Amino acid sequence: MRRDPEFFGDQELDLLYIAKKLKHALAVESLLESAKIDYAVETGTYVGGMIFRTERVGAFLYVLPGDLERARDTIRAAGFEPA
């Protein structure tokens, strides 16, 4: 279930996936919802491009360390490569 980062309090979250496209972010969120995994989403910047390197905005999805392997397996099975 999608949670605000404040929901997790002082718990450290692990980066699961960086979505470069909105449709990918929504698809990964749907997978996590179906698997009943709590997660947080924040926007952030990353550097992309081979020749012309530019700073771009993406959705960063985080999960608790105890859920990381299950979340990775879940999105990997759907064709997404975890961070």
C-alpha atoms as a PDB file:
ATOM      1  CA  MET A   1       0.000   0.000   0.000  1.00  0.00           C
ATOM      2  CA  ARG A   2       1.300   3.471  -0.833  1.00  0.00           C
ATOM      3  CA  ARG A   3       2.297   5.350   2.285  1.00  0.00           C
ATOM      4  CA  ASP A   4       3.617   8.822   3.027  1.00  0.00           C
ATOM      5  CA  PRO A   5       7.301   8.746   4.012  1.00  0.00           C
ATOM      6  CA  GLU A   6       6.268   9.986   7.472  1.00  0.00           C
ATOM      7  CA  PHE A   7       4.335   6.727   7.986  1.00  0.00           C
ATOM      8  CA  PHE A   8       7.651   4.874   8.241  1.00  0.00           C
ATOM      9  CA  GLY A   9       8.979   7.222  10.928  1.00  0.00           C
ATOM     10  CA  ASP A  10      12.680   6.696  11.657  1.00  0.00           C
ATOM     11  CA  GLN A  11      12.823   3.389   9.778  1.00  0.00           C
ATOM     12  CA  GLU A  12      15.381   3.300   6.988  1.00  0.00           C
ATOM     13  CA  LEU A  13      13.867   2.593   3.557  1.00  0.00           C
ATOM     14  CA  ASP A  14      15.643   0.906   0.647  1.00  0.00           C
ATOM     15  CA  LEU A  15      15.418   2.132  -2.921  1.00  0.00           C
ATOM     16  CA  LEU A  16      13.531  -0.400  -5.012  1.00  0.00           C
ATOM     17  CA  TYR A  17      13.034   1.256  -8.391  1.00  0.00           C
ATOM     18  CA  ILE A  18      13.573   4.521 -10.262  1.00  0.00           C
ATOM     19  CA  ALA A  19      10.724   5.083 -12.708  1.00  0.00           C
ATOM     20  CA  LYS A  20      11.730   7.248 -15.631  1.00  0.00           C
ATOM     21  CA  LYS A  21       8.225   7.216 -17.102  1.00  0.00           C
ATOM     22  CA  LEU A  22       4.890   7.749 -15.391  1.00  0.00           C
ATOM     23  CA  LYS A  23       3.412   4.565 -16.863  1.00  0.00           C
ATOM     24  CA  HIS A  24       6.288   2.541 -15.355  1.00  0.00           C
ATOM     25  CA  ALA A  25       5.794   4.147 -11.944  1.00  0.00           C
ATOM     26  CA  LEU A  26       2.074   3.360 -12.040  1.00  0.00           C
ATOM     27  CA  ALA A  27       2.715  -0.228 -13.157  1.00  0.00           C
ATOM     28  CA  VAL A  28       5.232  -0.864 -10.355  1.00  0.00           C
ATOM     29  CA  GLU A  29       2.876   0.723  -7.825  1.00  0.00           C
ATOM     30  CA  SER A  30       0.107  -1.584  -9.014  1.00  0.00           C
ATOM     31  CA  LEU A  31       2.395  -4.617  -8.604  1.00  0.00           C
ATOM     32  CA  LEU A  32       3.311  -3.579  -5.063  1.00  0.00           C
ATOM     33  CA  GLU A  33      -0.346  -2.969  -4.199  1.00  0.00           C
ATOM     34  CA  SER A  34      -1.278  -6.436  -5.485  1.00  0.00           C
ATOM     35  CA  ALA A  35       1.534  -7.987  -3.422  1.00  0.00           C
ATOM     36  CA  LYS A  36       0.386  -6.004  -0.351  1.00  0.00           C
ATOM     37  CA  ILE A  37       3.797  -4.400   0.121  1.00  0.00           C
ATOM     38  CA  ASP A  38       3.983  -1.005   1.851  1.00  0.00           C
ATOM     39  CA  TYR A  39       6.007   1.508  -0.146  1.00  0.00           C
ATOM     40  CA  ALA A  40       6.763   5.206  -0.444  1.00  0.00           C
ATOM     41  CA  VAL A  41       7.191   7.303  -3.575  1.00  0.00           C
ATOM     42  CA  GLU A  42       9.201  10.491  -3.896  1.00  0.00           C
ATOM     43  CA  THR A  43      10.163  12.480  -6.938  1.00  0.00           C
ATOM     44  CA  GLY A  44      13.823  13.121  -7.508  1.00  0.00           C
ATOM     45  CA  THR A  45      16.351  13.853 -10.194  1.00  0.00           C
ATOM     46  CA  TYR A  46      18.680  11.503 -12.020  1.00  0.00           C
ATOM     47  CA  VAL A  47      21.138  11.983 -14.880  1.00  0.00           C
ATOM     48  CA  GLY A  48      20.180  10.440 -18.219  1.00  0.00           C
ATOM     49  CA  GLY A  49      21.344  10.382 -21.799  1.00  0.00           C
ATOM     50  CA  MET A  50      24.435   8.995 -23.463  1.00  0.00           C
ATOM     51  CA  ILE A  51      25.727  11.868 -25.554  1.00  0.00           C
ATOM     52  CA  PHE A  52      23.779  14.798 -24.145  1.00  0.00           C
ATOM     53  CA  ARG A  53      23.659  14.157 -20.398  1.00  0.00           C
ATOM     54  CA  THR A  54      20.707  15.919 -18.809  1.00  0.00           C
ATOM     55  CA  GLU A  55      19.132  15.986 -15.402  1.00  0.00           C
ATOM     56  CA  ARG A  56      15.660  14.450 -15.450  1.00  0.00           C
ATOM     57  CA  VAL A  57      12.862  13.926 -12.926  1.00  0.00           C
ATOM     58  CA  GLY A  58      11.677  10.453 -11.980  1.00  0.00           C
ATOM     59  CA  ALA A  59       9.686   8.616  -9.341  1.00  0.00           C
ATOM     60  CA  PHE A  60      11.780   6.848  -6.705  1.00  0.00           C
ATOM     61  CA  LEU A  61      10.008   3.921  -5.023  1.00  0.00           C
ATOM     62  CA  TYR A  62      11.180   2.785  -1.586  1.00  0.00           C
ATOM     63  CA  VAL A  63      10.298  -0.223   0.590  1.00  0.00           C
ATOM     64  CA  LEU A  64      11.259  -1.471   4.019  1.00  0.00           C
ATOM     65  CA  PRO A  65      14.438  -3.615   4.097  1.00  0.00           C
ATOM     66  CA  GLY A  66      12.421  -6.657   5.196  1.00  0.00           C
ATOM     67  CA  ASP A  67      10.248  -6.383   2.068  1.00  0.00           C
ATOM     68  CA  LEU A  68      13.031  -5.602  -0.389  1.00  0.00           C
ATOM     69  CA  GLU A  69      13.708  -9.103  -1.759  1.00  0.00           C
ATOM     70  CA  ARG A  70      10.007  -9.915  -2.149  1.00  0.00           C
ATOM     71  CA  ALA A  71       9.416  -6.540  -3.841  1.00  0.00           C
ATOM     72  CA  ARG A  72      12.378  -7.104  -6.182  1.00  0.00           C
ATOM     73  CA  ASP A  73      11.090 -10.550  -7.117  1.00  0.00           C
ATOM     74  CA  THR A  74       7.610  -9.120  -7.692  1.00  0.00           C
ATOM     75  CA  ILE A  75       8.671  -6.383 -10.099  1.00  0.00           C
ATOM     76  CA  ARG A  76      11.331  -8.553 -11.783  1.00  0.00           C
ATOM     77  CA  ALA A  77       8.644 -11.145 -12.628  1.00  0.00           C
ATOM     78  CA  ALA A  78       6.772  -8.374 -14.474  1.00  0.00           C
ATOM     79  CA  GLY A  79       9.836  -7.320 -16.483  1.00  0.00           C
ATOM     80  CA  PHE A  80      11.073  -4.385 -14.407  1.00  0.00           C
ATOM     81  CA  GLU A  81      14.711  -4.205 -13.275  1.00  0.00           C
ATOM     82  CA  PRO A  82      15.111  -3.144  -9.626  1.00  0.00           C
ATOM     83  CA  ALA A  83      17.532  -0.365  -8.707  1.00  0.00           C
END
